[in-house]
Amino acid sequence: MVRNAIDMHAHWVPPVVANALRQRHGNVPRIETLPDSTERLVMPIGTLNFNDGHTDASLRLEQMMGLGVSRQMLSLPGLFGIDSLPFDQAMPLVSAFNDACAELCKAHPDQFCGLAALPLASMDASVAELRRARLELGLLGAILPVDAFRNEATAARLKPIFKEAESLGAHFFVHPGRMPDSGPLPDAPPDHGLARRALAVQHEVGEAMVTLLLSDFLIPWRNITVQVANLGGTFPAVVERMDHMLALRDPSRALPSTRARVVWVDCASLGSRALEQAVAVFGADRVVLGTDCPIFDAARTIAGIEKSQLSVDDQTLILHGNAAKLLGRLF
């Protein structure tokens, strides 16, 4: 199997962070041991089985080789709720992640690169940690929560981070997650809860896309690239309706579809039909492979690309070419 794929949406929990989460008895997030000796991660939005797939770098390398993935860009998942903790709780955990991620990337520079987690309760500390991560640790940028982009006013709070990133050159990964003052996502109704949660997350990603694409927020930043998770959420599914409404009610404005290529999107946890739709909206050169490993099935996501109706050239761009170009400007 020769894919040489680059996975731009993969997560890792360093053992030092996992051990710290095991000590957070009664607090969220935490890792707790179940009666059968397995572990689960208790998050603001529910629970997740926790095992060596989250922490063991050697196992990850073995899995990557089996899938034909040559490199992963690692991040700390926003939905775990670590970066949105109060500052005094978040700072030790995000700095421990950043240090450990940098060490892993230096030990395996051809297989791993990483994004910093930031202590979002303090913009000043987030700016300083981004600077440290980029200049001292060699990380490529940072993961940011979609909740920060739910409208233009909330996005404006991140301008100090973007200003620092502009001077450094950086990549931002906009991923499902909350800002510290937003609280957890509401509990899904008991009927079909997983399906409703999937819809809710995709809706929040879609809201972030409206802010990122249709506002002027990203216009000043020329030395920053932005990747949005999960194919931009609901945006590609409803952009035609957005165009139709605007053409009827405010025809002087540019159609939303003409702004779609401002960001890159990854295909994590989605399949062939969603991918084909996203390529029709964004273009194949704006879509990258993302597997959401180890939380979702990486093999299924890769199979979705290769079973799609996209051309071999477009599949190659998504599996490797686009990510190689994005990463090339950061090293």
C-alpha atoms as a PDB file:
ATOM      1  CA  MET A   1       0.000   0.000   0.000  1.00  0.00           C
ATOM      2  CA  VAL A   2       1.620   3.252  -1.168  1.00  0.00           C
ATOM      3  CA  ARG A   3      -0.490   6.290  -0.402  1.00  0.00           C
ATOM      4  CA  ASN A   4       1.979   8.726   1.167  1.00  0.00           C
ATOM      5  CA  ALA A   5      -1.069  10.331   2.762  1.00  0.00           C
ATOM      6  CA  ILE A   6      -0.815  13.314   5.100  1.00  0.00           C
ATOM      7  CA  ASP A   7      -3.413  13.415   7.871  1.00  0.00           C
ATOM      8  CA  MET A   8      -4.133  17.025   8.874  1.00  0.00           C
ATOM      9  CA  HIS A   9      -6.711  16.212  11.562  1.00  0.00           C
ATOM     10  CA  ALA A  10      -5.314  13.758  14.111  1.00  0.00           C
ATOM     11  CA  HIS A  11      -5.225  13.954  17.886  1.00  0.00           C
ATOM     12  CA  TRP A  12      -2.791  12.802  20.551  1.00  0.00           C
ATOM     13  CA  VAL A  13      -2.846  12.871  24.346  1.00  0.00           C
ATOM     14  CA  PRO A  14       0.694  12.701  25.729  1.00  0.00           C
ATOM     15  CA  PRO A  15       1.071  10.342  28.694  1.00  0.00           C
ATOM     16  CA  VAL A  16       1.931  13.303  30.941  1.00  0.00           C
ATOM     17  CA  VAL A  17      -1.404  14.942  30.091  1.00  0.00           C
ATOM     18  CA  ALA A  18      -3.315  11.668  30.485  1.00  0.00           C
ATOM     19  CA  ASN A  19      -1.794  11.203  33.936  1.00  0.00           C
ATOM     20  CA  ALA A  20      -2.786  14.749  34.920  1.00  0.00           C
ATOM     21  CA  LEU A  21      -6.357  14.083  33.771  1.00  0.00           C
ATOM     22  CA  ARG A  22      -6.437  10.949  35.951  1.00  0.00           C
ATOM     23  CA  GLN A  23      -5.780  13.169  38.963  1.00  0.00           C
ATOM     24  CA  ARG A  24      -8.767  15.468  38.308  1.00  0.00           C
ATOM     25  CA  HIS A  25     -11.153  13.528  40.520  1.00  0.00           C
ATOM     26  CA  GLY A  26     -14.685  14.850  40.172  1.00  0.00           C
ATOM     27  CA  ASN A  27     -13.674  17.583  37.713  1.00  0.00           C
ATOM     28  CA  VAL A  28     -14.326  17.789  33.985  1.00  0.00           C
ATOM     29  CA  PRO A  29     -12.417  16.865  31.930  1.00  0.00           C
ATOM     30  CA  ARG A  30     -10.983  13.819  33.691  1.00  0.00           C
ATOM     31  CA  ILE A  31     -10.023  10.223  33.002  1.00  0.00           C
ATOM     32  CA  GLU A  32     -11.686   7.667  35.236  1.00  0.00           C
ATOM     33  CA  THR A  33     -11.265   3.909  35.602  1.00  0.00           C
ATOM     34  CA  LEU A  34     -14.355   1.739  35.159  1.00  0.00           C
ATOM     35  CA  PRO A  35     -15.131  -1.463  37.125  1.00  0.00           C
ATOM     36  CA  ASP A  36     -13.752  -3.628  34.296  1.00  0.00           C
ATOM     37  CA  SER A  37     -10.408  -1.703  34.496  1.00  0.00           C
ATOM     38  CA  THR A  38     -10.948   0.106  31.192  1.00  0.00           C
ATOM     39  CA  GLU A  39     -10.845   3.885  31.147  1.00  0.00           C
ATOM     40  CA  ARG A  40     -13.091   6.616  29.862  1.00  0.00           C
ATOM     41  CA  LEU A  41     -12.605  10.314  29.331  1.00  0.00           C
ATOM     42  CA  VAL A  42     -15.327  12.462  30.877  1.00  0.00           C
ATOM     43  CA  MET A  43     -15.736  15.585  28.731  1.00  0.00           C
ATOM     44  CA  PRO A  44     -18.051  18.602  28.846  1.00  0.00           C
ATOM     45  CA  ILE A  45     -20.173  16.941  26.157  1.00  0.00           C
ATOM     46  CA  GLY A  46     -20.210  13.333  27.353  1.00  0.00           C
ATOM     47  CA  THR A  47     -17.788  10.433  27.636  1.00  0.00           C
ATOM     48  CA  LEU A  48     -15.301   8.707  25.343  1.00  0.00           C
ATOM     49  CA  ASN A  49     -13.548   5.378  25.697  1.00  0.00           C
ATOM     50  CA  PHE A  50      -9.885   6.055  26.443  1.00  0.00           C
ATOM     51  CA  ASN A  51      -7.088   3.626  25.589  1.00  0.00           C
ATOM     52  CA  ASP A  52      -3.515   3.331  24.319  1.00  0.00           C
ATOM     53  CA  GLY A  53      -4.602   4.558  20.903  1.00  0.00           C
ATOM     54  CA  HIS A  54      -4.775   8.065  22.368  1.00  0.00           C
ATOM     55  CA  THR A  55      -1.356   8.044  24.052  1.00  0.00           C
ATOM     56  CA  ASP A  56       1.029   5.467  22.574  1.00  0.00           C
ATOM     57  CA  ALA A  57       3.175   7.075  19.858  1.00  0.00           C
ATOM     58  CA  SER A  58       4.737   3.736  18.823  1.00  0.00           C
ATOM     59  CA  LEU A  59       1.303   2.235  18.291  1.00  0.00           C
ATOM     60  CA  ARG A  60       0.304   5.314  16.306  1.00  0.00           C
ATOM     61  CA  LEU A  61       3.306   4.938  13.997  1.00  0.00           C
ATOM     62  CA  GLU A  62       2.410   1.297  13.425  1.00  0.00           C
ATOM     63  CA  GLN A  63      -1.186   2.206  12.596  1.00  0.00           C
ATOM     64  CA  MET A  64      -0.070   4.955  10.236  1.00  0.00           C
ATOM     65  CA  MET A  65       2.189   2.562   8.353  1.00  0.00           C
ATOM     66  CA  GLY A  66      -0.670   0.112   7.942  1.00  0.00           C
ATOM     67  CA  LEU A  67      -2.896   2.831   6.490  1.00  0.00           C
ATOM     68  CA  GLY A  68      -0.305   4.353   4.176  1.00  0.00           C
ATOM     69  CA  VAL A  69      -0.233   7.596   6.168  1.00  0.00           C
ATOM     70  CA  SER A  70       3.232   9.132   6.056  1.00  0.00           C
ATOM     71  CA  ARG A  71       2.614  12.072   8.412  1.00  0.00           C
ATOM     72  CA  GLN A  72       0.089  13.326  10.935  1.00  0.00           C
ATOM     73  CA  MET A  73      -0.446  16.850  12.196  1.00  0.00           C
ATOM     74  CA  LEU A  74      -1.221  16.361  15.887  1.00  0.00           C
ATOM     75  CA  SER A  75      -3.447  18.492  18.082  1.00  0.00           C
ATOM     76  CA  LEU A  76      -5.217  18.348  21.433  1.00  0.00           C
ATOM     77  CA  PRO A  77      -8.961  17.954  20.787  1.00  0.00           C
ATOM     78  CA  GLY A  78     -10.996  21.031  21.633  1.00  0.00           C
ATOM     79  CA  LEU A  79     -14.058  19.031  22.654  1.00  0.00           C
ATOM     80  CA  PHE A  80     -12.048  17.501  25.500  1.00  0.00           C
ATOM     81  CA  GLY A  81     -12.476  20.894  27.164  1.00  0.00           C
ATOM     82  CA  ILE A  82      -8.869  21.338  28.306  1.00  0.00           C
ATOM     83  CA  ASP A  83      -8.091  24.616  26.545  1.00  0.00           C
ATOM     84  CA  SER A  84     -11.364  26.176  27.753  1.00  0.00           C
ATOM     85  CA  LEU A  85     -10.705  25.552  31.443  1.00  0.00           C
ATOM     86  CA  PRO A  86     -10.041  28.490  33.781  1.00  0.00           C
ATOM     87  CA  PHE A  87      -6.535  29.798  33.182  1.00  0.00           C
ATOM     88  CA  ASP A  88      -4.911  28.295  36.284  1.00  0.00           C
ATOM     89  CA  GLN A  89      -6.173  24.824  35.279  1.00  0.00           C
ATOM     90  CA  ALA A  90      -5.646  25.124  31.519  1.00  0.00           C
ATOM     91  CA  MET A  91      -2.131  26.539  31.469  1.00  0.00           C
ATOM     92  CA  PRO A  92      -0.269  23.574  32.995  1.00  0.00           C
ATOM     93  CA  LEU A  93      -2.122  21.121  30.766  1.00  0.00           C
ATOM     94  CA  VAL A  94      -1.717  22.977  27.467  1.00  0.00           C
ATOM     95  CA  SER A  95       1.949  23.748  28.111  1.00  0.00           C
ATOM     96  CA  ALA A  96       2.551  20.072  28.969  1.00  0.00           C
ATOM     97  CA  PHE A  97       0.860  19.058  25.708  1.00  0.00           C
ATOM     98  CA  ASN A  98       2.867  21.564  23.698  1.00  0.00           C
ATOM     99  CA  ASP A  99       6.177  20.472  25.221  1.00  0.00           C
ATOM    100  CA  ALA A 100       5.452  16.779  24.703  1.00  0.00           C
ATOM    101  CA  CYS A 101       4.141  17.286  21.181  1.00  0.00           C
ATOM    102  CA  ALA A 102       7.272  19.217  20.248  1.00  0.00           C
ATOM    103  CA  GLU A 103       9.473  16.429  21.644  1.00  0.00           C
ATOM    104  CA  LEU A 104       7.593  13.800  19.652  1.00  0.00           C
ATOM    105  CA  CYS A 105       7.843  15.871  16.461  1.00  0.00           C
ATOM    106  CA  LYS A 106      11.579  16.346  16.962  1.00  0.00           C
ATOM    107  CA  ALA A 107      12.033  12.607  17.528  1.00  0.00           C
ATOM    108  CA  HIS A 108      10.031  11.768  14.382  1.00  0.00           C
ATOM    109  CA  PRO A 109      10.253  14.853  12.155  1.00  0.00           C
ATOM    110  CA  ASP A 110       9.142  13.055   8.996  1.00  0.00           C
ATOM    111  CA  GLN A 111       6.116  11.408  10.635  1.00  0.00           C
ATOM    112  CA  PHE A 112       4.711  14.079  12.950  1.00  0.00           C
ATOM    113  CA  CYS A 113       4.156  17.816  13.097  1.00  0.00           C
ATOM    114  CA  GLY A 114       2.066  19.582  15.673  1.00  0.00           C
ATOM    115  CA  LEU A 115      -0.233  22.437  16.595  1.00  0.00           C
ATOM    116  CA  ALA A 116      -0.213  24.168  19.957  1.00  0.00           C
ATOM    117  CA  ALA A 117      -3.071  24.208  22.425  1.00  0.00           C
ATOM    118  CA  LEU A 118      -3.680  27.635  23.955  1.00  0.00           C
ATOM    119  CA  PRO A 119      -5.018  28.706  27.382  1.00  0.00           C
ATOM    120  CA  LEU A 120      -8.029  30.481  25.924  1.00  0.00           C
ATOM    121  CA  ALA A 121      -9.151  32.074  29.191  1.00  0.00           C
ATOM    122  CA  SER A 122      -6.285  34.574  28.785  1.00  0.00           C
ATOM    123  CA  MET A 123      -5.609  36.236  25.440  1.00  0.00           C
ATOM    124  CA  ASP A 124      -2.247  37.580  26.658  1.00  0.00           C
ATOM    125  CA  ALA A 125      -1.131  34.117  27.760  1.00  0.00           C
ATOM    126  CA  SER A 126      -2.447  32.591  24.524  1.00  0.00           C
ATOM    127  CA  VAL A 127      -0.374  35.037  22.481  1.00  0.00           C
ATOM    128  CA  ALA A 128       2.715  34.258  24.564  1.00  0.00           C
ATOM    129  CA  GLU A 129       2.163  30.505  24.291  1.00  0.00           C
ATOM    130  CA  LEU A 130       1.683  30.712  20.525  1.00  0.00           C
ATOM    131  CA  ARG A 131       4.942  32.637  20.264  1.00  0.00           C
ATOM    132  CA  ARG A 132       6.753  30.069  22.420  1.00  0.00           C
ATOM    133  CA  ALA A 133       5.250  27.179  20.483  1.00  0.00           C
ATOM    134  CA  ARG A 134       6.225  28.606  17.114  1.00  0.00           C
ATOM    135  CA  LEU A 135       9.682  30.018  17.910  1.00  0.00           C
ATOM    136  CA  GLU A 136      10.982  27.714  20.646  1.00  0.00           C
ATOM    137  CA  LEU A 137       9.114  24.451  20.160  1.00  0.00           C
ATOM    138  CA  GLY A 138       8.786  24.359  16.369  1.00  0.00           C
ATOM    139  CA  LEU A 139       5.032  23.779  16.357  1.00  0.00           C
ATOM    140  CA  LEU A 140       3.229  25.073  13.282  1.00  0.00           C
ATOM    141  CA  GLY A 141       0.359  27.092  14.741  1.00  0.00           C
ATOM    142  CA  ALA A 142      -2.587  26.330  16.998  1.00  0.00           C
ATOM    143  CA  ILE A 143      -5.972  24.679  17.268  1.00  0.00           C
ATOM    144  CA  LEU A 144      -8.869  27.086  17.854  1.00  0.00           C
ATOM    145  CA  PRO A 145     -12.514  26.351  18.793  1.00  0.00           C
ATOM    146  CA  VAL A 146     -15.335  26.848  16.291  1.00  0.00           C
ATOM    147  CA  ASP A 147     -17.260  28.552  19.099  1.00  0.00           C
ATOM    148  CA  ALA A 148     -14.874  31.505  18.836  1.00  0.00           C
ATOM    149  CA  PHE A 149     -16.203  32.159  15.326  1.00  0.00           C
ATOM    150  CA  ARG A 150     -19.923  31.886  15.947  1.00  0.00           C
ATOM    151  CA  ASN A 151     -20.214  35.549  14.927  1.00  0.00           C
ATOM    152  CA  GLU A 152     -17.987  38.505  14.107  1.00  0.00           C
ATOM    153  CA  ALA A 153     -18.014  39.895  17.641  1.00  0.00           C
ATOM    154  CA  THR A 154     -16.739  36.661  19.175  1.00  0.00           C
ATOM    155  CA  ALA A 155     -14.107  36.292  16.452  1.00  0.00           C
ATOM    156  CA  ALA A 156     -12.819  39.794  17.167  1.00  0.00           C
ATOM    157  CA  ARG A 157     -11.629  38.611  20.580  1.00  0.00           C
ATOM    158  CA  LEU A 158      -9.011  36.454  18.841  1.00  0.00           C
ATOM    159  CA  LYS A 159      -7.418  39.311  16.913  1.00  0.00           C
ATOM    160  CA  PRO A 160      -4.387  39.466  19.259  1.00  0.00           C
ATOM    161  CA  ILE A 161      -3.679  35.808  18.496  1.00  0.00           C
ATOM    162  CA  PHE A 162      -4.050  36.362  14.754  1.00  0.00           C
ATOM    163  CA  LYS A 163      -1.845  39.452  14.889  1.00  0.00           C
ATOM    164  CA  GLU A 164       0.925  37.448  16.553  1.00  0.00           C
ATOM    165  CA  ALA A 165       0.456  34.603  14.082  1.00  0.00           C
ATOM    166  CA  GLU A 166       0.757  37.019  11.176  1.00  0.00           C
ATOM    167  CA  SER A 167       4.208  38.055  12.361  1.00  0.00           C
ATOM    168  CA  LEU A 168       5.275  34.453  12.898  1.00  0.00           C
ATOM    169  CA  GLY A 169       3.642  32.687   9.968  1.00  0.00           C
ATOM    170  CA  ALA A 170       1.253  30.041  11.249  1.00  0.00           C
ATOM    171  CA  HIS A 171      -1.491  27.542  10.510  1.00  0.00           C
ATOM    172  CA  PHE A 172      -4.752  27.607  12.468  1.00  0.00           C
ATOM    173  CA  PHE A 173      -7.007  24.578  12.762  1.00  0.00           C
ATOM    174  CA  VAL A 174     -10.622  25.520  13.576  1.00  0.00           C
ATOM    175  CA  HIS A 175     -12.084  22.502  15.356  1.00  0.00           C
ATOM    176  CA  PRO A 176     -15.261  21.773  17.342  1.00  0.00           C
ATOM    177  CA  GLY A 177     -14.782  23.193  20.823  1.00  0.00           C
ATOM    178  CA  ARG A 178     -15.900  25.922  23.198  1.00  0.00           C
ATOM    179  CA  MET A 179     -14.516  29.189  24.493  1.00  0.00           C
ATOM    180  CA  PRO A 180     -14.118  29.411  28.294  1.00  0.00           C
ATOM    181  CA  ASP A 181     -17.145  31.675  28.762  1.00  0.00           C
ATOM    182  CA  SER A 182     -19.509  29.672  26.552  1.00  0.00           C
ATOM    183  CA  GLY A 183     -20.188  26.698  28.765  1.00  0.00           C
ATOM    184  CA  PRO A 184     -20.640  23.135  27.508  1.00  0.00           C
ATOM    185  CA  LEU A 185     -22.857  22.200  24.625  1.00  0.00           C
ATOM    186  CA  PRO A 186     -26.389  21.431  25.805  1.00  0.00           C
ATOM    187  CA  ASP A 187     -27.182  17.790  26.358  1.00  0.00           C
ATOM    188  CA  ALA A 188     -28.718  16.090  23.361  1.00  0.00           C
ATOM    189  CA  PRO A 189     -32.277  14.799  23.796  1.00  0.00           C
ATOM    190  CA  PRO A 190     -32.353  11.138  24.846  1.00  0.00           C
ATOM    191  CA  ASP A 191     -33.862   9.969  21.564  1.00  0.00           C
ATOM    192  CA  HIS A 192     -31.197   9.391  18.886  1.00  0.00           C
ATOM    193  CA  GLY A 193     -28.691  11.388  20.915  1.00  0.00           C
ATOM    194  CA  LEU A 194     -25.622  10.530  18.820  1.00  0.00           C
ATOM    195  CA  ALA A 195     -27.344  11.580  15.599  1.00  0.00           C
ATOM    196  CA  ARG A 196     -28.497  14.846  17.178  1.00  0.00           C
ATOM    197  CA  ARG A 197     -25.008  15.515  18.538  1.00  0.00           C
ATOM    198  CA  ALA A 198     -23.532  14.985  15.048  1.00  0.00           C
ATOM    199  CA  LEU A 199     -25.982  17.536  13.644  1.00  0.00           C
ATOM    200  CA  ALA A 200     -25.252  20.031  16.421  1.00  0.00           C
ATOM    201  CA  VAL A 201     -21.492  19.849  15.925  1.00  0.00           C
ATOM    202  CA  GLN A 202     -21.800  20.233  12.154  1.00  0.00           C
ATOM    203  CA  HIS A 203     -24.109  23.207  12.616  1.00  0.00           C
ATOM    204  CA  GLU A 204     -21.562  24.949  14.851  1.00  0.00           C
ATOM    205  CA  VAL A 205     -18.825  24.323  12.281  1.00  0.00           C
ATOM    206  CA  GLY A 206     -21.114  25.768   9.605  1.00  0.00           C
ATOM    207  CA  GLU A 207     -21.708  28.887  11.700  1.00  0.00           C
ATOM    208  CA  ALA A 208     -17.949  29.365  12.018  1.00  0.00           C
ATOM    209  CA  MET A 209     -17.642  29.063   8.237  1.00  0.00           C
ATOM    210  CA  VAL A 210     -20.133  31.894   7.712  1.00  0.00           C
ATOM    211  CA  THR A 211     -18.012  34.154   9.928  1.00  0.00           C
ATOM    212  CA  LEU A 212     -14.706  33.114   8.363  1.00  0.00           C
ATOM    213  CA  LEU A 213     -15.863  33.267   4.743  1.00  0.00           C
ATOM    214  CA  LEU A 214     -18.447  36.018   4.600  1.00  0.00           C
ATOM    215  CA  SER A 215     -17.047  38.590   7.029  1.00  0.00           C
ATOM    216  CA  ASP A 216     -13.868  40.620   6.603  1.00  0.00           C
ATOM    217  CA  PHE A 217     -12.160  38.926   9.555  1.00  0.00           C
ATOM    218  CA  LEU A 218      -9.547  36.995   7.553  1.00  0.00           C
ATOM    219  CA  ILE A 219      -8.769  39.717   5.007  1.00  0.00           C
ATOM    220  CA  PRO A 220      -5.854  41.378   6.907  1.00  0.00           C
ATOM    221  CA  TRP A 221      -3.967  38.137   7.494  1.00  0.00           C
ATOM    222  CA  ARG A 222      -1.688  37.165   4.595  1.00  0.00           C
ATOM    223  CA  ASN A 223       0.829  35.012   6.476  1.00  0.00           C
ATOM    224  CA  ILE A 224      -1.744  32.692   8.045  1.00  0.00           C
ATOM    225  CA  THR A 225      -3.534  29.634   6.670  1.00  0.00           C
ATOM    226  CA  VAL A 226      -6.817  28.413   8.156  1.00  0.00           C
ATOM    227  CA  GLN A 227      -8.171  24.873   8.074  1.00  0.00           C
ATOM    228  CA  VAL A 228     -11.706  24.085   9.188  1.00  0.00           C
ATOM    229  CA  ALA A 229     -12.675  20.611  10.357  1.00  0.00           C
ATOM    230  CA  ASN A 230     -15.339  18.287   8.994  1.00  0.00           C
ATOM    231  CA  LEU A 231     -15.640  19.737   5.477  1.00  0.00           C
ATOM    232  CA  GLY A 232     -16.874  23.052   6.834  1.00  0.00           C
ATOM    233  CA  GLY A 233     -19.883  21.549   8.597  1.00  0.00           C
ATOM    234  CA  THR A 234     -23.249  22.352   7.075  1.00  0.00           C
ATOM    235  CA  PHE A 235     -21.929  25.185   4.897  1.00  0.00           C
ATOM    236  CA  PRO A 236     -21.471  23.225   1.630  1.00  0.00           C
ATOM    237  CA  ALA A 237     -24.930  21.689   2.005  1.00  0.00           C
ATOM    238  CA  VAL A 238     -26.712  25.044   2.260  1.00  0.00           C
ATOM    239  CA  VAL A 239     -24.510  27.432   0.280  1.00  0.00           C
ATOM    240  CA  GLU A 240     -26.774  27.177  -2.769  1.00  0.00           C
ATOM    241  CA  ARG A 241     -29.697  28.292  -0.629  1.00  0.00           C
ATOM    242  CA  MET A 242     -27.565  31.169   0.690  1.00  0.00           C
ATOM    243  CA  ASP A 243     -26.781  32.191  -2.884  1.00  0.00           C
ATOM    244  CA  HIS A 244     -30.433  31.964  -3.889  1.00  0.00           C
ATOM    245  CA  MET A 245     -31.603  34.103  -0.949  1.00  0.00           C
ATOM    246  CA  LEU A 246     -28.961  36.753  -1.519  1.00  0.00           C
ATOM    247  CA  ALA A 247     -29.590  36.909  -5.263  1.00  0.00           C
ATOM    248  CA  LEU A 248     -33.281  37.602  -4.586  1.00  0.00           C
ATOM    249  CA  ARG A 249     -32.995  39.942  -1.606  1.00  0.00           C
ATOM    250  CA  ASP A 250     -29.635  41.700  -1.877  1.00  0.00           C
ATOM    251  CA  PRO A 251     -28.292  41.184  -5.421  1.00  0.00           C
ATOM    252  CA  SER A 252     -25.619  43.868  -5.023  1.00  0.00           C
ATOM    253  CA  ARG A 253     -23.595  41.650  -2.682  1.00  0.00           C
ATOM    254  CA  ALA A 254     -21.174  38.897  -3.701  1.00  0.00           C
ATOM    255  CA  LEU A 255     -22.663  35.420  -3.533  1.00  0.00           C
ATOM    256  CA  PRO A 256     -21.445  33.280  -0.590  1.00  0.00           C
ATOM    257  CA  SER A 257     -20.245  30.586  -2.970  1.00  0.00           C
ATOM    258  CA  THR A 258     -17.711  33.012  -4.440  1.00  0.00           C
ATOM    259  CA  ARG A 259     -16.018  33.315  -1.006  1.00  0.00           C
ATOM    260  CA  ALA A 260     -15.675  29.576  -0.398  1.00  0.00           C
ATOM    261  CA  ARG A 261     -11.968  29.327  -1.215  1.00  0.00           C
ATOM    262  CA  VAL A 262     -10.750  31.525   1.632  1.00  0.00           C
ATOM    263  CA  VAL A 263     -10.016  28.498   3.871  1.00  0.00           C
ATOM    264  CA  TRP A 264      -9.101  24.831   3.585  1.00  0.00           C
ATOM    265  CA  VAL A 265     -11.348  22.069   4.933  1.00  0.00           C
ATOM    266  CA  ASP A 266     -10.611  18.507   6.026  1.00  0.00           C
ATOM    267  CA  CYS A 267     -12.771  15.452   5.497  1.00  0.00           C
ATOM    268  CA  ALA A 268     -12.587  13.960   9.004  1.00  0.00           C
ATOM    269  CA  SER A 269     -15.361  11.501   9.941  1.00  0.00           C
ATOM    270  CA  LEU A 270     -17.273  12.013   6.664  1.00  0.00           C
ATOM    271  CA  GLY A 271     -17.737   9.921   3.536  1.00  0.00           C
ATOM    272  CA  SER A 272     -17.771   9.925  -0.242  1.00  0.00           C
ATOM    273  CA  ARG A 273     -20.995  11.857  -0.832  1.00  0.00           C
ATOM    274  CA  ALA A 274     -20.119  14.654   1.574  1.00  0.00           C
ATOM    275  CA  LEU A 275     -16.630  14.822   0.089  1.00  0.00           C
ATOM    276  CA  GLU A 276     -17.916  15.109  -3.478  1.00  0.00           C
ATOM    277  CA  GLN A 277     -20.263  17.899  -2.420  1.00  0.00           C
ATOM    278  CA  ALA A 278     -17.460  19.760  -0.639  1.00  0.00           C
ATOM    279  CA  VAL A 279     -15.141  19.493  -3.639  1.00  0.00           C
ATOM    280  CA  ALA A 280     -17.903  20.939  -5.825  1.00  0.00           C
ATOM    281  CA  VAL A 281     -18.113  23.944  -3.459  1.00  0.00           C
ATOM    282  CA  PHE A 282     -14.506  24.527  -2.391  1.00  0.00           C
ATOM    283  CA  GLY A 283     -12.482  22.875  -5.172  1.00  0.00           C
ATOM    284  CA  ALA A 284     -10.321  19.774  -4.804  1.00  0.00           C
ATOM    285  CA  ASP A 285      -7.286  21.946  -4.087  1.00  0.00           C
ATOM    286  CA  ARG A 286      -8.890  23.247  -0.871  1.00  0.00           C
ATOM    287  CA  VAL A 287      -9.673  19.882   0.745  1.00  0.00           C
ATOM    288  CA  VAL A 288      -7.185  17.900   2.844  1.00  0.00           C
ATOM    289  CA  LEU A 289      -7.262  14.492   4.446  1.00  0.00           C
ATOM    290  CA  GLY A 290      -8.369  14.457   8.067  1.00  0.00           C
ATOM    291  CA  THR A 291      -9.203  11.262   9.929  1.00  0.00           C
ATOM    292  CA  ASP A 292      -9.939  12.471  13.484  1.00  0.00           C
ATOM    293  CA  CYS A 293      -7.728   9.593  14.611  1.00  0.00           C
ATOM    294  CA  PRO A 294      -8.044   7.924  17.127  1.00  0.00           C
ATOM    295  CA  ILE A 295     -11.585   9.100  17.862  1.00  0.00           C
ATOM    296  CA  PHE A 296     -12.966   8.046  14.462  1.00  0.00           C
ATOM    297  CA  ASP A 297     -12.065   5.223  12.068  1.00  0.00           C
ATOM    298  CA  ALA A 298      -9.188   6.457   9.899  1.00  0.00           C
ATOM    299  CA  ALA A 299      -9.443   3.545   7.467  1.00  0.00           C
ATOM    300  CA  ARG A 300     -13.101   4.332   6.780  1.00  0.00           C
ATOM    301  CA  THR A 301     -12.349   7.992   6.030  1.00  0.00           C
ATOM    302  CA  ILE A 302      -9.520   7.110   3.628  1.00  0.00           C
ATOM    303  CA  ALA A 303     -11.725   4.524   1.932  1.00  0.00           C
ATOM    304  CA  GLY A 304     -14.358   7.215   1.462  1.00  0.00           C
ATOM    305  CA  ILE A 305     -11.885   9.267  -0.574  1.00  0.00           C
ATOM    306  CA  GLU A 306     -10.788   6.335  -2.713  1.00  0.00           C
ATOM    307  CA  LYS A 307     -14.342   5.107  -3.319  1.00  0.00           C
ATOM    308  CA  SER A 308     -15.603   8.543  -4.328  1.00  0.00           C
ATOM    309  CA  GLN A 309     -16.381   9.632  -7.881  1.00  0.00           C
ATOM    310  CA  LEU A 310     -13.490  12.118  -7.776  1.00  0.00           C
ATOM    311  CA  SER A 311     -10.703  11.772 -10.307  1.00  0.00           C
ATOM    312  CA  VAL A 312      -7.449  10.109  -9.310  1.00  0.00           C
ATOM    313  CA  ASP A 313      -5.738  13.498  -9.577  1.00  0.00           C
ATOM    314  CA  ASP A 314      -8.236  15.083  -7.190  1.00  0.00           C
ATOM    315  CA  GLN A 315      -7.924  12.187  -4.749  1.00  0.00           C
ATOM    316  CA  THR A 316      -4.139  12.586  -4.807  1.00  0.00           C
ATOM    317  CA  LEU A 317      -4.466  16.277  -4.015  1.00  0.00           C
ATOM    318  CA  ILE A 318      -6.681  15.494  -1.035  1.00  0.00           C
ATOM    319  CA  LEU A 319      -4.584  12.617   0.273  1.00  0.00           C
ATOM    320  CA  HIS A 320      -1.224  14.328  -0.092  1.00  0.00           C
ATOM    321  CA  GLY A 321      -0.661  17.258  -2.428  1.00  0.00           C
ATOM    322  CA  ASN A 322      -2.661  19.999  -0.703  1.00  0.00           C
ATOM    323  CA  ALA A 323      -1.304  19.200   2.751  1.00  0.00           C
ATOM    324  CA  ALA A 324       2.266  19.018   1.461  1.00  0.00           C
ATOM    325  CA  LYS A 325       1.866  22.509   0.010  1.00  0.00           C
ATOM    326  CA  LEU A 326       0.329  23.882   3.221  1.00  0.00           C
ATOM    327  CA  LEU A 327       3.033  22.381   5.412  1.00  0.00           C
ATOM    328  CA  GLY A 328       5.822  23.360   3.046  1.00  0.00           C
ATOM    329  CA  ARG A 329       5.411  27.055   3.793  1.00  0.00           C
ATOM    330  CA  LEU A 330       5.685  26.479   7.549  1.00  0.00           C
ATOM    331  CA  PHE A 331       8.968  24.588   7.828  1.00  0.00           C
END
